[in-house]
Amino acid sequence: MNEHLFIIAKISPKTEFFMQAKQAILSIVANTLEEDGCLKFAVHEDGKHLFLYEEWRSQKDLDKHYAMPYITPIFEAYQEWLKEPVEINKLERLA
């Protein structure tokens, strides 16, 4: 079966920071998709939450992504922007 890492992340910004969080995440899409090991990085919303659907070749590639210079400022801003921690679901493909 596929050894790739599949992630669905739910991001819950405070109402007053929703647009800032959304724009910050959208601003990293192009760079993220160019990263070695990134197979999919899609952003979705339901009006209150942002959702990321990601597929990575490996955990090592995801760890490199988290250390990228365009990612760390967003993680720092999350301290103020989010009403709860990011919910990260790592999935295993069954079929």
PDB file of N, CA and C in Angstrom:
ATOM      1  N   MET A   1       0.845  -1.185   0.000  1.00  0.00           N
ATOM      2  CA  MET A   1       0.000   0.000   0.000  1.00  0.00           C
ATOM      3  C   MET A   1       0.887   1.243   0.000  1.00  0.00           C
ATOM      4  N   ASN A   2       0.304   2.340  -0.352  1.00  0.00           N
ATOM      5  CA  ASN A   2       1.000   3.620  -0.444  1.00  0.00           C
ATOM      6  C   ASN A   2       1.594   4.008   0.910  1.00  0.00           C
ATOM      7  N   GLU A   3       2.878   4.340   0.931  1.00  0.00           N
ATOM      8  CA  GLU A   3       3.566   4.735   2.153  1.00  0.00           C
ATOM      9  C   GLU A   3       3.506   6.244   2.394  1.00  0.00           C
ATOM     10  N   HIS A   4       2.855   6.977   1.523  1.00  0.00           N
ATOM     11  CA  HIS A   4       2.787   8.431   1.669  1.00  0.00           C
ATOM     12  C   HIS A   4       2.057   8.809   2.950  1.00  0.00           C
ATOM     13  N   LEU A   5       2.300  10.032   3.380  1.00  0.00           N
ATOM     14  CA  LEU A   5       1.669  10.577   4.569  1.00  0.00           C
ATOM     15  C   LEU A   5       0.530  11.492   4.126  1.00  0.00           C
ATOM     16  N   PHE A   6      -0.673  11.211   4.599  1.00  0.00           N
ATOM     17  CA  PHE A   6      -1.850  12.010   4.261  1.00  0.00           C
ATOM     18  C   PHE A   6      -2.292  12.752   5.515  1.00  0.00           C
ATOM     19  N   ILE A   7      -2.584  14.038   5.356  1.00  0.00           N
ATOM     20  CA  ILE A   7      -2.948  14.865   6.505  1.00  0.00           C
ATOM     21  C   ILE A   7      -4.165  15.706   6.164  1.00  0.00           C
ATOM     22  N   ILE A   8      -5.068  15.790   7.131  1.00  0.00           N
ATOM     23  CA  ILE A   8      -6.127  16.793   7.094  1.00  0.00           C
ATOM     24  C   ILE A   8      -5.952  17.600   8.375  1.00  0.00           C
ATOM     25  N   ALA A   9      -5.711  18.896   8.212  1.00  0.00           N
ATOM     26  CA  ALA A   9      -5.530  19.781   9.357  1.00  0.00           C
ATOM     27  C   ALA A   9      -6.693  20.760   9.429  1.00  0.00           C
ATOM     28  N   LYS A  10      -7.243  20.909  10.612  1.00  0.00           N
ATOM     29  CA  LYS A  10      -8.328  21.865  10.858  1.00  0.00           C
ATOM     30  C   LYS A  10      -7.747  23.023  11.661  1.00  0.00           C
ATOM     31  N   ILE A  11      -7.866  24.215  11.103  1.00  0.00           N
ATOM     32  CA  ILE A  11      -7.329  25.424  11.719  1.00  0.00           C
ATOM     33  C   ILE A  11      -8.511  26.306  12.124  1.00  0.00           C
ATOM     34  N   SER A  12      -8.552  26.699  13.391  1.00  0.00           N
ATOM     35  CA  SER A  12      -9.688  27.453  13.932  1.00  0.00           C
ATOM     36  C   SER A  12      -9.254  28.841  14.396  1.00  0.00           C
ATOM     37  N   PRO A  13      -9.205  29.798  13.458  1.00  0.00           N
ATOM     38  CA  PRO A  13      -8.821  31.161  13.843  1.00  0.00           C
ATOM     39  C   PRO A  13      -9.923  31.856  14.645  1.00  0.00           C
ATOM     40  N   LYS A  14      -9.500  32.785  15.489  1.00  0.00           N
ATOM     41  CA  LYS A  14     -10.466  33.683  16.119  1.00  0.00           C
ATOM     42  C   LYS A  14     -11.099  34.488  14.988  1.00  0.00           C
ATOM     43  N   THR A  15     -12.353  34.865  15.160  1.00  0.00           N
ATOM     44  CA  THR A  15     -13.096  35.575  14.116  1.00  0.00           C
ATOM     45  C   THR A  15     -12.324  36.772  13.573  1.00  0.00           C
ATOM     46  N   GLU A  16     -11.736  37.556  14.475  1.00  0.00           N
ATOM     47  CA  GLU A  16     -11.040  38.775  14.052  1.00  0.00           C
ATOM     48  C   GLU A  16      -9.744  38.501  13.288  1.00  0.00           C
ATOM     49  N   PHE A  17      -9.245  37.260  13.331  1.00  0.00           N
ATOM     50  CA  PHE A  17      -8.013  36.917  12.630  1.00  0.00           C
ATOM     51  C   PHE A  17      -8.239  35.962  11.461  1.00  0.00           C
ATOM     52  N   PHE A  18      -9.511  35.650  11.164  1.00  0.00           N
ATOM     53  CA  PHE A  18      -9.792  34.659  10.114  1.00  0.00           C
ATOM     54  C   PHE A  18      -9.161  35.045   8.778  1.00  0.00           C
ATOM     55  N   MET A  19      -9.374  36.269   8.327  1.00  0.00           N
ATOM     56  CA  MET A  19      -8.847  36.685   7.018  1.00  0.00           C
ATOM     57  C   MET A  19      -7.321  36.714   7.006  1.00  0.00           C
ATOM     58  N   GLN A  20      -6.701  37.154   8.094  1.00  0.00           N
ATOM     59  CA  GLN A  20      -5.239  37.154   8.162  1.00  0.00           C
ATOM     60  C   GLN A  20      -4.693  35.738   8.073  1.00  0.00           C
ATOM     61  N   ALA A  21      -5.300  34.827   8.811  1.00  0.00           N
ATOM     62  CA  ALA A  21      -4.853  33.433   8.787  1.00  0.00           C
ATOM     63  C   ALA A  21      -5.054  32.837   7.393  1.00  0.00           C
ATOM     64  N   LYS A  22      -6.200  33.114   6.809  1.00  0.00           N
ATOM     65  CA  LYS A  22      -6.495  32.601   5.465  1.00  0.00           C
ATOM     66  C   LYS A  22      -5.475  33.108   4.447  1.00  0.00           C
ATOM     67  N   GLN A  23      -5.219  34.403   4.455  1.00  0.00           N
ATOM     68  CA  GLN A  23      -4.258  34.966   3.504  1.00  0.00           C
ATOM     69  C   GLN A  23      -2.845  34.437   3.739  1.00  0.00           C
ATOM     70  N   ALA A  24      -2.469  34.263   4.997  1.00  0.00           N
ATOM     71  CA  ALA A  24      -1.135  33.736   5.312  1.00  0.00           C
ATOM     72  C   ALA A  24      -0.976  32.316   4.769  1.00  0.00           C
ATOM     73  N   ILE A  25      -1.995  31.511   4.960  1.00  0.00           N
ATOM     74  CA  ILE A  25      -1.920  30.121   4.472  1.00  0.00           C
ATOM     75  C   ILE A  25      -1.928  30.095   2.945  1.00  0.00           C
ATOM     76  N   LEU A  26      -2.790  30.889   2.342  1.00  0.00           N
ATOM     77  CA  LEU A  26      -2.824  30.928   0.869  1.00  0.00           C
ATOM     78  C   LEU A  26      -1.489  31.407   0.297  1.00  0.00           C
ATOM     79  N   SER A  27      -0.793  32.253   1.036  1.00  0.00           N
ATOM     80  CA  SER A  27       0.478  32.786   0.534  1.00  0.00           C
ATOM     81  C   SER A  27       1.600  31.752   0.486  1.00  0.00           C
ATOM     82  N   ILE A  28       1.436  30.629   1.167  1.00  0.00           N
ATOM     83  CA  ILE A  28       2.489  29.606   1.182  1.00  0.00           C
ATOM     84  C   ILE A  28       2.206  28.445   0.233  1.00  0.00           C
ATOM     85  N   VAL A  29       1.053  28.437  -0.407  1.00  0.00           N
ATOM     86  CA  VAL A  29       0.672  27.299  -1.248  1.00  0.00           C
ATOM     87  C   VAL A  29       1.689  27.049  -2.359  1.00  0.00           C
ATOM     88  N   ALA A  30       2.022  28.066  -3.121  1.00  0.00           N
ATOM     89  CA  ALA A  30       2.932  27.878  -4.257  1.00  0.00           C
ATOM     90  C   ALA A  30       4.289  27.348  -3.805  1.00  0.00           C
ATOM     91  N   ASN A  31       4.861  27.963  -2.760  1.00  0.00           N
ATOM     92  CA  ASN A  31       6.161  27.489  -2.266  1.00  0.00           C
ATOM     93  C   ASN A  31       6.076  26.060  -1.740  1.00  0.00           C
ATOM     94  N   THR A  32       5.005  25.763  -1.043  1.00  0.00           N
ATOM     95  CA  THR A  32       4.848  24.419  -0.480  1.00  0.00           C
ATOM     96  C   THR A  32       4.756  23.376  -1.589  1.00  0.00           C
ATOM     97  N   LEU A  33       3.999  23.672  -2.627  1.00  0.00           N
ATOM     98  CA  LEU A  33       3.853  22.710  -3.726  1.00  0.00           C
ATOM     99  C   LEU A  33       5.168  22.473  -4.473  1.00  0.00           C
ATOM    100  N   GLU A  34       6.101  23.407  -4.368  1.00  0.00           N
ATOM    101  CA  GLU A  34       7.411  23.240  -5.000  1.00  0.00           C
ATOM    102  C   GLU A  34       8.395  22.451  -4.145  1.00  0.00           C
ATOM    103  N   GLU A  35       8.047  22.222  -2.895  1.00  0.00           N
ATOM    104  CA  GLU A  35       8.946  21.493  -2.006  1.00  0.00           C
ATOM    105  C   GLU A  35       9.086  20.040  -2.466  1.00  0.00           C
ATOM    106  N   ASP A  36      10.318  19.560  -2.375  1.00  0.00           N
ATOM    107  CA  ASP A  36      10.566  18.152  -2.659  1.00  0.00           C
ATOM    108  C   ASP A  36       9.831  17.341  -1.598  1.00  0.00           C
ATOM    109  N   GLY A  37       9.018  16.429  -2.027  1.00  0.00           N
ATOM    110  CA  GLY A  37       8.284  15.599  -1.076  1.00  0.00           C
ATOM    111  C   GLY A  37       6.832  15.986  -0.910  1.00  0.00           C
ATOM    112  N   CYS A  38       6.449  17.181  -1.356  1.00  0.00           N
ATOM    113  CA  CYS A  38       5.042  17.589  -1.282  1.00  0.00           C
ATOM    114  C   CYS A  38       4.328  17.115  -2.536  1.00  0.00           C
ATOM    115  N   LEU A  39       3.316  16.292  -2.349  1.00  0.00           N
ATOM    116  CA  LEU A  39       2.555  15.761  -3.477  1.00  0.00           C
ATOM    117  C   LEU A  39       1.203  16.460  -3.631  1.00  0.00           C
ATOM    118  N   LYS A  40       0.688  17.022  -2.524  1.00  0.00           N
ATOM    119  CA  LYS A  40      -0.599  17.720  -2.561  1.00  0.00           C
ATOM    120  C   LYS A  40      -0.662  18.674  -1.384  1.00  0.00           C
ATOM    121  N   PHE A  41      -1.158  19.880  -1.629  1.00  0.00           N
ATOM    122  CA  PHE A  41      -1.365  20.853  -0.563  1.00  0.00           C
ATOM    123  C   PHE A  41      -2.533  21.725  -0.993  1.00  0.00           C
ATOM    124  N   ALA A  42      -3.694  21.461  -0.448  1.00  0.00           N
ATOM    125  CA  ALA A  42      -4.908  22.167  -0.840  1.00  0.00           C
ATOM    126  C   ALA A  42      -5.528  22.830   0.385  1.00  0.00           C
ATOM    127  N   VAL A  43      -6.088  24.020   0.186  1.00  0.00           N
ATOM    128  CA  VAL A  43      -6.695  24.792   1.267  1.00  0.00           C
ATOM    129  C   VAL A  43      -8.199  24.879   1.012  1.00  0.00           C
ATOM    130  N   HIS A  44      -8.971  24.641   2.081  1.00  0.00           N
ATOM    131  CA  HIS A  44     -10.436  24.709   2.012  1.00  0.00           C
ATOM    132  C   HIS A  44     -10.931  25.519   3.208  1.00  0.00           C
ATOM    133  N   GLU A  45     -12.168  25.980   3.134  1.00  0.00           N
ATOM    134  CA  GLU A  45     -12.763  26.691   4.268  1.00  0.00           C
ATOM    135  C   GLU A  45     -14.252  26.410   4.349  1.00  0.00           C
ATOM    136  N   ASP A  46     -14.797  26.618   5.556  1.00  0.00           N
ATOM    137  CA  ASP A  46     -16.242  26.519   5.731  1.00  0.00           C
ATOM    138  C   ASP A  46     -16.812  27.813   6.302  1.00  0.00           C
ATOM    139  N   GLY A  47     -16.017  28.879   6.277  1.00  0.00           N
ATOM    140  CA  GLY A  47     -16.452  30.170   6.793  1.00  0.00           C
ATOM    141  C   GLY A  47     -16.002  30.425   8.220  1.00  0.00           C
ATOM    142  N   LYS A  48     -15.734  29.375   8.977  1.00  0.00           N
ATOM    143  CA  LYS A  48     -15.269  29.503  10.358  1.00  0.00           C
ATOM    144  C   LYS A  48     -13.909  28.857  10.567  1.00  0.00           C
ATOM    145  N   HIS A  49     -13.621  27.850   9.747  1.00  0.00           N
ATOM    146  CA  HIS A  49     -12.382  27.082   9.887  1.00  0.00           C
ATOM    147  C   HIS A  49     -11.689  26.996   8.532  1.00  0.00           C
ATOM    148  N   LEU A  50     -10.396  26.775   8.599  1.00  0.00           N
ATOM    149  CA  LEU A  50      -9.608  26.494   7.404  1.00  0.00           C
ATOM    150  C   LEU A  50      -9.167  25.035   7.502  1.00  0.00           C
ATOM    151  N   PHE A  51      -9.138  24.376   6.372  1.00  0.00           N
ATOM    152  CA  PHE A  51      -8.741  22.971   6.332  1.00  0.00           C
ATOM    153  C   PHE A  51      -7.639  22.808   5.303  1.00  0.00           C
ATOM    154  N   LEU A  52      -6.627  22.063   5.661  1.00  0.00           N
ATOM    155  CA  LEU A  52      -5.557  21.739   4.735  1.00  0.00           C
ATOM    156  C   LEU A  52      -5.634  20.259   4.434  1.00  0.00           C
ATOM    157  N   TYR A  53      -5.580  19.930   3.155  1.00  0.00           N
ATOM    158  CA  TYR A  53      -5.436  18.530   2.751  1.00  0.00           C
ATOM    159  C   TYR A  53      -4.040  18.428   2.166  1.00  0.00           C
ATOM    160  N   GLU A  54      -3.221  17.569   2.768  1.00  0.00           N
ATOM    161  CA  GLU A  54      -1.830  17.460   2.363  1.00  0.00           C
ATOM    162  C   GLU A  54      -1.469  16.000   2.103  1.00  0.00           C
ATOM    163  N   GLU A  55      -0.591  15.806   1.130  1.00  0.00           N
ATOM    164  CA  GLU A  55       0.011  14.497   0.901  1.00  0.00           C
ATOM    165  C   GLU A  55       1.514  14.715   0.772  1.00  0.00           C
ATOM    166  N   TRP A  56       2.243  13.991   1.591  1.00  0.00           N
ATOM    167  CA  TRP A  56       3.703  14.084   1.629  1.00  0.00           C
ATOM    168  C   TRP A  56       4.297  12.717   1.362  1.00  0.00           C
ATOM    169  N   ARG A  57       5.451  12.730   0.762  1.00  0.00           N
ATOM    170  CA  ARG A  57       6.144  11.476   0.463  1.00  0.00           C
ATOM    171  C   ARG A  57       6.541  10.762   1.756  1.00  0.00           C
ATOM    172  N   SER A  58       6.897  11.548   2.803  1.00  0.00           N
ATOM    173  CA  SER A  58       7.333  10.934   4.059  1.00  0.00           C
ATOM    174  C   SER A  58       7.210  11.933   5.205  1.00  0.00           C
ATOM    175  N   GLN A  59       7.328  11.434   6.424  1.00  0.00           N
ATOM    176  CA  GLN A  59       7.341  12.295   7.600  1.00  0.00           C
ATOM    177  C   GLN A  59       8.547  13.224   7.562  1.00  0.00           C
ATOM    178  N   LYS A  60       9.661  12.727   7.058  1.00  0.00           N
ATOM    179  CA  LYS A  60      10.875  13.547   6.947  1.00  0.00           C
ATOM    180  C   LYS A  60      10.609  14.773   6.073  1.00  0.00           C
ATOM    181  N   ASP A  61       9.898  14.597   4.957  1.00  0.00           N
ATOM    182  CA  ASP A  61       9.568  15.724   4.080  1.00  0.00           C
ATOM    183  C   ASP A  61       8.644  16.717   4.784  1.00  0.00           C
ATOM    184  N   LEU A  62       7.692  16.211   5.550  1.00  0.00           N
ATOM    185  CA  LEU A  62       6.805  17.094   6.302  1.00  0.00           C
ATOM    186  C   LEU A  62       7.587  17.867   7.359  1.00  0.00           C
ATOM    187  N   ASP A  63       8.509  17.209   8.040  1.00  0.00           N
ATOM    188  CA  ASP A  63       9.331  17.879   9.045  1.00  0.00           C
ATOM    189  C   ASP A  63      10.152  19.003   8.413  1.00  0.00           C
ATOM    190  N   LYS A  64      10.684  18.770   7.209  1.00  0.00           N
ATOM    191  CA  LYS A  64      11.421  19.820   6.494  1.00  0.00           C
ATOM    192  C   LYS A  64      10.501  20.999   6.191  1.00  0.00           C
ATOM    193  N   HIS A  65       9.277  20.685   5.788  1.00  0.00           N
ATOM    194  CA  HIS A  65       8.290  21.732   5.488  1.00  0.00           C
ATOM    195  C   HIS A  65       8.059  22.612   6.714  1.00  0.00           C
ATOM    196  N   TYR A  66       7.863  21.993   7.866  1.00  0.00           N
ATOM    197  CA  TYR A  66       7.605  22.751   9.092  1.00  0.00           C
ATOM    198  C   TYR A  66       8.753  23.686   9.444  1.00  0.00           C
ATOM    199  N   ALA A  67       9.958  23.382   8.976  1.00  0.00           N
ATOM    200  CA  ALA A  67      11.137  24.204   9.284  1.00  0.00           C
ATOM    201  C   ALA A  67      11.414  25.280   8.233  1.00  0.00           C
ATOM    202  N   MET A  68      10.630  25.332   7.180  1.00  0.00           N
ATOM    203  CA  MET A  68      10.855  26.319   6.123  1.00  0.00           C
ATOM    204  C   MET A  68      10.678  27.742   6.655  1.00  0.00           C
ATOM    205  N   PRO A  69      11.481  28.693   6.148  1.00  0.00           N
ATOM    206  CA  PRO A  69      11.413  30.067   6.661  1.00  0.00           C
ATOM    207  C   PRO A  69      10.075  30.765   6.411  1.00  0.00           C
ATOM    208  N   TYR A  70       9.291  30.304   5.461  1.00  0.00           N
ATOM    209  CA  TYR A  70       7.980  30.921   5.234  1.00  0.00           C
ATOM    210  C   TYR A  70       6.886  30.267   6.079  1.00  0.00           C
ATOM    211  N   ILE A  71       7.201  29.191   6.781  1.00  0.00           N
ATOM    212  CA  ILE A  71       6.229  28.515   7.639  1.00  0.00           C
ATOM    213  C   ILE A  71       6.329  29.001   9.080  1.00  0.00           C
ATOM    214  N   THR A  72       7.534  29.163   9.571  1.00  0.00           N
ATOM    215  CA  THR A  72       7.707  29.500  10.988  1.00  0.00           C
ATOM    216  C   THR A  72       6.994  30.797  11.407  1.00  0.00           C
ATOM    217  N   PRO A  73       6.955  31.856  10.587  1.00  0.00           N
ATOM    218  CA  PRO A  73       6.205  33.053  11.021  1.00  0.00           C
ATOM    219  C   PRO A  73       4.706  32.780  11.189  1.00  0.00           C
ATOM    220  N   ILE A  74       4.172  31.898  10.381  1.00  0.00           N
ATOM    221  CA  ILE A  74       2.744  31.560  10.507  1.00  0.00           C
ATOM    222  C   ILE A  74       2.516  30.814  11.811  1.00  0.00           C
ATOM    223  N   PHE A  75       3.370  29.842  12.114  1.00  0.00           N
ATOM    224  CA  PHE A  75       3.236  29.113  13.374  1.00  0.00           C
ATOM    225  C   PHE A  75       3.333  30.067  14.562  1.00  0.00           C
ATOM    226  N   GLU A  76       4.209  31.052  14.466  1.00  0.00           N
ATOM    227  CA  GLU A  76       4.329  32.045  15.546  1.00  0.00           C
ATOM    228  C   GLU A  76       3.053  32.882  15.653  1.00  0.00           C
ATOM    229  N   ALA A  77       2.494  33.292  14.522  1.00  0.00           N
ATOM    230  CA  ALA A  77       1.263  34.090  14.526  1.00  0.00           C
ATOM    231  C   ALA A  77       0.074  33.292  15.055  1.00  0.00           C
ATOM    232  N   TYR A  78       0.098  31.976  14.867  1.00  0.00           N
ATOM    233  CA  TYR A  78      -0.984  31.129  15.387  1.00  0.00           C
ATOM    234  C   TYR A  78      -1.183  31.341  16.887  1.00  0.00           C
ATOM    235  N   GLN A  79      -0.126  31.683  17.622  1.00  0.00           N
ATOM    236  CA  GLN A  79      -0.244  31.898  19.065  1.00  0.00           C
ATOM    237  C   GLN A  79      -1.312  32.950  19.370  1.00  0.00           C
ATOM    238  N   GLU A  80      -1.399  33.968  18.537  1.00  0.00           N
ATOM    239  CA  GLU A  80      -2.390  35.031  18.723  1.00  0.00           C
ATOM    240  C   GLU A  80      -3.679  34.763  17.936  1.00  0.00           C
ATOM    241  N   TRP A  81      -3.538  34.203  16.736  1.00  0.00           N
ATOM    242  CA  TRP A  81      -4.676  34.086  15.827  1.00  0.00           C
ATOM    243  C   TRP A  81      -5.678  32.989  16.174  1.00  0.00           C
ATOM    244  N   LEU A  82      -5.231  31.902  16.762  1.00  0.00           N
ATOM    245  CA  LEU A  82      -6.096  30.727  16.894  1.00  0.00           C
ATOM    246  C   LEU A  82      -6.828  30.665  18.226  1.00  0.00           C
ATOM    247  N   LYS A  83      -8.071  30.176  18.164  1.00  0.00           N
ATOM    248  CA  LYS A  83      -8.837  29.989  19.400  1.00  0.00           C
ATOM    249  C   LYS A  83      -8.603  28.619  20.016  1.00  0.00           C
ATOM    250  N   GLU A  84      -8.015  27.709  19.256  1.00  0.00           N
ATOM    251  CA  GLU A  84      -7.650  26.380  19.767  1.00  0.00           C
ATOM    252  C   GLU A  84      -6.504  25.841  18.917  1.00  0.00           C
ATOM    253  N   PRO A  85      -5.751  24.880  19.433  1.00  0.00           N
ATOM    254  CA  PRO A  85      -4.629  24.337  18.656  1.00  0.00           C
ATOM    255  C   PRO A  85      -5.096  23.714  17.337  1.00  0.00           C
ATOM    256  N   VAL A  86      -4.208  23.709  16.370  1.00  0.00           N
ATOM    257  CA  VAL A  86      -4.503  23.074  15.081  1.00  0.00           C
ATOM    258  C   VAL A  86      -4.766  21.583  15.323  1.00  0.00           C
ATOM    259  N   GLU A  87      -5.829  21.093  14.732  1.00  0.00           N
ATOM    260  CA  GLU A  87      -6.167  19.671  14.826  1.00  0.00           C
ATOM    261  C   GLU A  87      -5.565  18.975  13.607  1.00  0.00           C
ATOM    262  N   ILE A  88      -4.622  18.088  13.834  1.00  0.00           N
ATOM    263  CA  ILE A  88      -3.944  17.400  12.735  1.00  0.00           C
ATOM    264  C   ILE A  88      -4.328  15.929  12.754  1.00  0.00           C
ATOM    265  N   ASN A  89      -4.877  15.487  11.641  1.00  0.00           N
ATOM    266  CA  ASN A  89      -5.248  14.088  11.476  1.00  0.00           C
ATOM    267  C   ASN A  89      -4.359  13.462  10.425  1.00  0.00           C
ATOM    268  N   LYS A  90      -3.552  12.489  10.842  1.00  0.00           N
ATOM    269  CA  LYS A  90      -2.699  11.749   9.907  1.00  0.00           C
ATOM    270  C   LYS A  90      -3.466  10.483   9.518  1.00  0.00           C
ATOM    271  N   LEU A  91      -3.588  10.299   8.216  1.00  0.00           N
ATOM    272  CA  LEU A  91      -4.424   9.231   7.694  1.00  0.00           C
ATOM    273  C   LEU A  91      -3.604   8.183   6.955  1.00  0.00           C
ATOM    274  N   GLU A  92      -4.111   6.980   6.961  1.00  0.00           N
ATOM    275  CA  GLU A  92      -3.532   5.888   6.197  1.00  0.00           C
ATOM    276  C   GLU A  92      -4.494   5.533   5.080  1.00  0.00           C
ATOM    277  N   ARG A  93      -4.001   5.515   3.867  1.00  0.00           N
ATOM    278  CA  ARG A  93      -4.846   5.175   2.717  1.00  0.00           C
ATOM    279  C   ARG A  93      -5.151   3.680   2.736  1.00  0.00           C
ATOM    280  N   LEU A  94      -6.432   3.352   2.632  1.00  0.00           N
ATOM    281  CA  LEU A  94      -6.866   1.953   2.653  1.00  0.00           C
ATOM    282  C   LEU A  94      -7.168   1.427   1.265  1.00  0.00           C
ATOM    283  N   ALA A  95      -7.606   2.300   0.380  1.00  0.00           N
ATOM    284  CA  ALA A  95      -7.935   1.846  -0.971  1.00  0.00           C
ATOM    285  C   ALA A  95      -7.692   2.966  -1.956  1.00  0.00           C
TER     286      ALA A  95
END
